[in-house]
Amino acid sequence: MSGEDLTCKEVVEIVSDYLEGALSPEERERFDAHLTVCDGCHTYVEQMRETIRLTGMLTEEQVPVEQRERLRQAFRDWKAG
């Protein structure tokens, strides 16, 4: 990433790094600056935080067998692609 403003697409691409604290200080500053001017991306990041929080509370046994298999297949397809 260069010193330019981030685009919404770039925010989506690096949101995991942002939430994990893996961005450089410069990248994090650019990310935060984008969130202050883009309500859509701000909402997206908050939704990701909430999703992570909620899914972290699930145990494997709480996920229905059919959903577990759908997730496994999605990961297989993603890895193969």
N, C-alpha and C. Protein backbone atom coordinates (compact mmCIF):
# COMPACT_ATOMS: atom_id res chain seq x y z
N MET A 1 0.84 -1.18 0.00
CA MET A 1 0.00 0.00 0.00
C MET A 1 0.88 1.23 0.00
N SER A 2 0.49 2.19 -0.76
CA SER A 2 1.24 3.44 -0.82
C SER A 2 0.72 4.42 0.22
N GLY A 3 1.19 5.66 0.15
CA GLY A 3 0.78 6.67 1.12
C GLY A 3 -0.56 7.30 0.82
N GLU A 4 -1.27 6.79 -0.17
CA GLU A 4 -2.56 7.35 -0.55
C GLU A 4 -3.66 6.89 0.41
N ASP A 5 -4.83 7.52 0.27
CA ASP A 5 -6.00 7.09 1.04
C ASP A 5 -6.38 5.67 0.63
N LEU A 6 -6.89 4.93 1.57
CA LEU A 6 -7.36 3.58 1.27
C LEU A 6 -8.71 3.65 0.56
N THR A 7 -8.95 2.68 -0.28
CA THR A 7 -10.27 2.52 -0.88
C THR A 7 -11.08 1.54 -0.03
N CYS A 8 -12.37 1.52 -0.25
CA CYS A 8 -13.22 0.57 0.48
C CYS A 8 -12.79 -0.86 0.18
N LYS A 9 -12.43 -1.15 -1.04
CA LYS A 9 -11.98 -2.49 -1.41
C LYS A 9 -10.73 -2.88 -0.61
N GLU A 10 -9.80 -1.95 -0.47
CA GLU A 10 -8.58 -2.24 0.30
C GLU A 10 -8.91 -2.48 1.78
N VAL A 11 -9.87 -1.73 2.31
CA VAL A 11 -10.29 -1.93 3.70
C VAL A 11 -10.80 -3.36 3.88
N VAL A 12 -11.64 -3.82 2.97
CA VAL A 12 -12.18 -5.17 3.06
C VAL A 12 -11.06 -6.21 2.96
N GLU A 13 -10.07 -5.96 2.10
CA GLU A 13 -8.98 -6.90 1.91
C GLU A 13 -8.07 -7.03 3.13
N ILE A 14 -7.94 -5.97 3.93
CA ILE A 14 -7.00 -6.02 5.06
C ILE A 14 -7.67 -5.92 6.42
N VAL A 15 -8.99 -6.06 6.47
CA VAL A 15 -9.69 -5.92 7.74
C VAL A 15 -9.21 -6.94 8.78
N SER A 16 -8.90 -8.15 8.36
CA SER A 16 -8.41 -9.15 9.32
C SER A 16 -7.09 -8.71 9.94
N ASP A 17 -6.18 -8.20 9.12
CA ASP A 17 -4.91 -7.70 9.65
C ASP A 17 -5.14 -6.56 10.62
N TYR A 18 -6.09 -5.69 10.30
CA TYR A 18 -6.42 -4.58 11.18
C TYR A 18 -6.92 -5.08 12.52
N LEU A 19 -7.87 -5.99 12.49
CA LEU A 19 -8.46 -6.50 13.73
C LEU A 19 -7.48 -7.32 14.55
N GLU A 20 -6.50 -7.92 13.89
CA GLU A 20 -5.49 -8.72 14.59
C GLU A 20 -4.29 -7.87 15.03
N GLY A 21 -4.30 -6.58 14.69
CA GLY A 21 -3.19 -5.71 15.07
C GLY A 21 -1.93 -5.96 14.28
N ALA A 22 -2.08 -6.46 13.06
CA ALA A 22 -0.93 -6.83 12.24
C ALA A 22 -0.51 -5.76 11.24
N LEU A 23 -1.19 -4.63 11.21
CA LEU A 23 -0.82 -3.55 10.29
C LEU A 23 0.32 -2.72 10.88
N SER A 24 1.12 -2.16 10.00
CA SER A 24 2.16 -1.24 10.46
C SER A 24 1.46 0.01 11.01
N PRO A 25 2.15 0.79 11.82
CA PRO A 25 1.52 2.02 12.34
C PRO A 25 1.00 2.93 11.22
N GLU A 26 1.75 3.03 10.12
CA GLU A 26 1.30 3.87 8.99
C GLU A 26 0.04 3.30 8.36
N GLU A 27 0.00 1.99 8.13
CA GLU A 27 -1.19 1.37 7.54
C GLU A 27 -2.40 1.50 8.47
N ARG A 28 -2.18 1.32 9.75
CA ARG A 28 -3.28 1.44 10.72
C ARG A 28 -3.83 2.87 10.73
N GLU A 29 -2.95 3.85 10.64
CA GLU A 29 -3.37 5.25 10.60
C GLU A 29 -4.22 5.52 9.36
N ARG A 30 -3.81 4.97 8.22
CA ARG A 30 -4.59 5.13 6.99
C ARG A 30 -5.94 4.44 7.11
N PHE A 31 -5.93 3.26 7.71
CA PHE A 31 -7.17 2.50 7.89
C PHE A 31 -8.13 3.29 8.78
N ASP A 32 -7.63 3.75 9.92
CA ASP A 32 -8.47 4.54 10.85
C ASP A 32 -8.99 5.81 10.18
N ALA A 33 -8.14 6.46 9.38
CA ALA A 33 -8.55 7.68 8.69
C ALA A 33 -9.72 7.38 7.74
N HIS A 34 -9.65 6.25 7.05
CA HIS A 34 -10.73 5.88 6.13
C HIS A 34 -12.03 5.66 6.92
N LEU A 35 -11.92 5.00 8.07
CA LEU A 35 -13.13 4.72 8.86
C LEU A 35 -13.80 5.98 9.35
N THR A 36 -13.03 7.05 9.56
CA THR A 36 -13.63 8.29 10.04
C THR A 36 -14.46 8.99 8.97
N VAL A 37 -14.22 8.68 7.70
CA VAL A 37 -14.95 9.35 6.62
C VAL A 37 -15.89 8.43 5.86
N CYS A 38 -15.85 7.13 6.17
CA CYS A 38 -16.67 6.18 5.41
C CYS A 38 -17.56 5.39 6.38
N ASP A 39 -18.81 5.79 6.45
CA ASP A 39 -19.76 5.12 7.35
C ASP A 39 -19.94 3.64 6.99
N GLY A 40 -19.93 3.33 5.70
CA GLY A 40 -20.11 1.94 5.27
C GLY A 40 -19.00 1.05 5.79
N CYS A 41 -17.76 1.49 5.66
CA CYS A 41 -16.63 0.69 6.13
C CYS A 41 -16.58 0.64 7.66
N HIS A 42 -16.96 1.74 8.29
CA HIS A 42 -17.01 1.74 9.75
C HIS A 42 -18.01 0.70 10.23
N THR A 43 -19.17 0.65 9.62
CA THR A 43 -20.19 -0.34 9.96
C THR A 43 -19.68 -1.75 9.69
N TYR A 44 -19.03 -1.94 8.56
CA TYR A 44 -18.48 -3.25 8.19
C TYR A 44 -17.49 -3.75 9.24
N VAL A 45 -16.58 -2.89 9.68
CA VAL A 45 -15.59 -3.28 10.68
C VAL A 45 -16.27 -3.62 12.00
N GLU A 46 -17.27 -2.86 12.39
CA GLU A 46 -17.99 -3.15 13.62
C GLU A 46 -18.73 -4.49 13.51
N GLN A 47 -19.30 -4.77 12.34
CA GLN A 47 -19.97 -6.05 12.12
C GLN A 47 -18.98 -7.21 12.19
N MET A 48 -17.78 -7.01 11.66
CA MET A 48 -16.75 -8.04 11.74
C MET A 48 -16.34 -8.28 13.18
N ARG A 49 -16.18 -7.22 13.95
CA ARG A 49 -15.84 -7.36 15.37
C ARG A 49 -16.91 -8.17 16.11
N GLU A 50 -18.16 -7.85 15.84
CA GLU A 50 -19.27 -8.55 16.51
C GLU A 50 -19.33 -10.00 16.06
N THR A 51 -19.11 -10.26 14.80
CA THR A 51 -19.10 -11.64 14.30
C THR A 51 -18.01 -12.45 14.98
N ILE A 52 -16.83 -11.87 15.08
CA ILE A 52 -15.71 -12.55 15.74
C ILE A 52 -16.04 -12.81 17.21
N ARG A 53 -16.61 -11.82 17.86
CA ARG A 53 -16.97 -11.97 19.27
C ARG A 53 -17.98 -13.10 19.46
N LEU A 54 -19.02 -13.09 18.63
CA LEU A 54 -20.07 -14.09 18.77
C LEU A 54 -19.61 -15.49 18.39
N THR A 55 -18.86 -15.61 17.31
CA THR A 55 -18.41 -16.94 16.90
C THR A 55 -17.37 -17.49 17.85
N GLY A 56 -16.66 -16.63 18.54
CA GLY A 56 -15.70 -17.09 19.53
C GLY A 56 -16.38 -17.72 20.73
N MET A 57 -17.66 -17.49 20.87
CA MET A 57 -18.42 -18.04 22.00
C MET A 57 -19.01 -19.41 21.68
N LEU A 58 -18.99 -19.80 20.40
CA LEU A 58 -19.57 -21.08 19.99
C LEU A 58 -18.62 -22.23 20.25
N THR A 59 -19.19 -23.35 20.58
CA THR A 59 -18.42 -24.58 20.62
C THR A 59 -18.80 -25.38 19.39
N GLU A 60 -17.96 -26.33 19.02
CA GLU A 60 -18.25 -27.14 17.84
C GLU A 60 -19.58 -27.88 17.99
N GLU A 61 -19.86 -28.31 19.19
CA GLU A 61 -21.09 -29.06 19.44
C GLU A 61 -22.34 -28.19 19.24
N GLN A 62 -22.22 -26.89 19.37
CA GLN A 62 -23.37 -26.00 19.21
C GLN A 62 -23.70 -25.74 17.74
N VAL A 63 -22.78 -26.04 16.85
CA VAL A 63 -23.02 -25.83 15.42
C VAL A 63 -23.68 -27.09 14.86
N PRO A 64 -24.85 -26.96 14.26
CA PRO A 64 -25.53 -28.13 13.71
C PRO A 64 -24.63 -28.88 12.71
N VAL A 65 -24.75 -30.20 12.70
CA VAL A 65 -23.92 -31.05 11.85
C VAL A 65 -23.96 -30.59 10.39
N GLU A 66 -25.15 -30.28 9.90
CA GLU A 66 -25.29 -29.85 8.50
C GLU A 66 -24.49 -28.57 8.25
N GLN A 67 -24.53 -27.63 9.17
CA GLN A 67 -23.79 -26.38 9.01
C GLN A 67 -22.28 -26.62 9.07
N ARG A 68 -21.86 -27.51 9.96
CA ARG A 68 -20.43 -27.84 10.04
C ARG A 68 -19.93 -28.38 8.71
N GLU A 69 -20.73 -29.28 8.11
CA GLU A 69 -20.32 -29.86 6.83
C GLU A 69 -20.31 -28.79 5.73
N ARG A 70 -21.26 -27.88 5.75
CA ARG A 70 -21.27 -26.79 4.76
C ARG A 70 -20.04 -25.91 4.91
N LEU A 71 -19.66 -25.64 6.15
CA LEU A 71 -18.44 -24.85 6.39
C LEU A 71 -17.20 -25.60 5.92
N ARG A 72 -17.13 -26.88 6.24
CA ARG A 72 -15.98 -27.67 5.78
C ARG A 72 -15.87 -27.65 4.27
N GLN A 73 -17.01 -27.82 3.59
CA GLN A 73 -16.99 -27.82 2.13
C GLN A 73 -16.59 -26.45 1.59
N ALA A 74 -17.07 -25.40 2.22
CA ALA A 74 -16.69 -24.04 1.77
C ALA A 74 -15.18 -23.84 1.90
N PHE A 75 -14.59 -24.33 2.99
CA PHE A 75 -13.14 -24.20 3.15
C PHE A 75 -12.39 -25.07 2.16
N ARG A 76 -12.91 -26.27 1.88
CA ARG A 76 -12.27 -27.13 0.86
C ARG A 76 -12.30 -26.44 -0.50
N ASP A 77 -13.45 -25.88 -0.86
CA ASP A 77 -13.58 -25.18 -2.14
C ASP A 77 -12.66 -23.97 -2.20
N TRP A 78 -12.60 -23.23 -1.11
CA TRP A 78 -11.74 -22.05 -1.05
C TRP A 78 -10.28 -22.44 -1.20
N LYS A 79 -9.85 -23.49 -0.50
CA LYS A 79 -8.47 -23.94 -0.56
C LYS A 79 -8.13 -24.45 -1.94
N ALA A 80 -9.08 -25.14 -2.59
CA ALA A 80 -8.84 -25.70 -3.92
C ALA A 80 -8.79 -24.59 -4.98
N GLY A 81 -9.49 -23.49 -4.71
CA GLY A 81 -9.57 -22.40 -5.71
C GLY A 81 -8.39 -21.56 -5.64
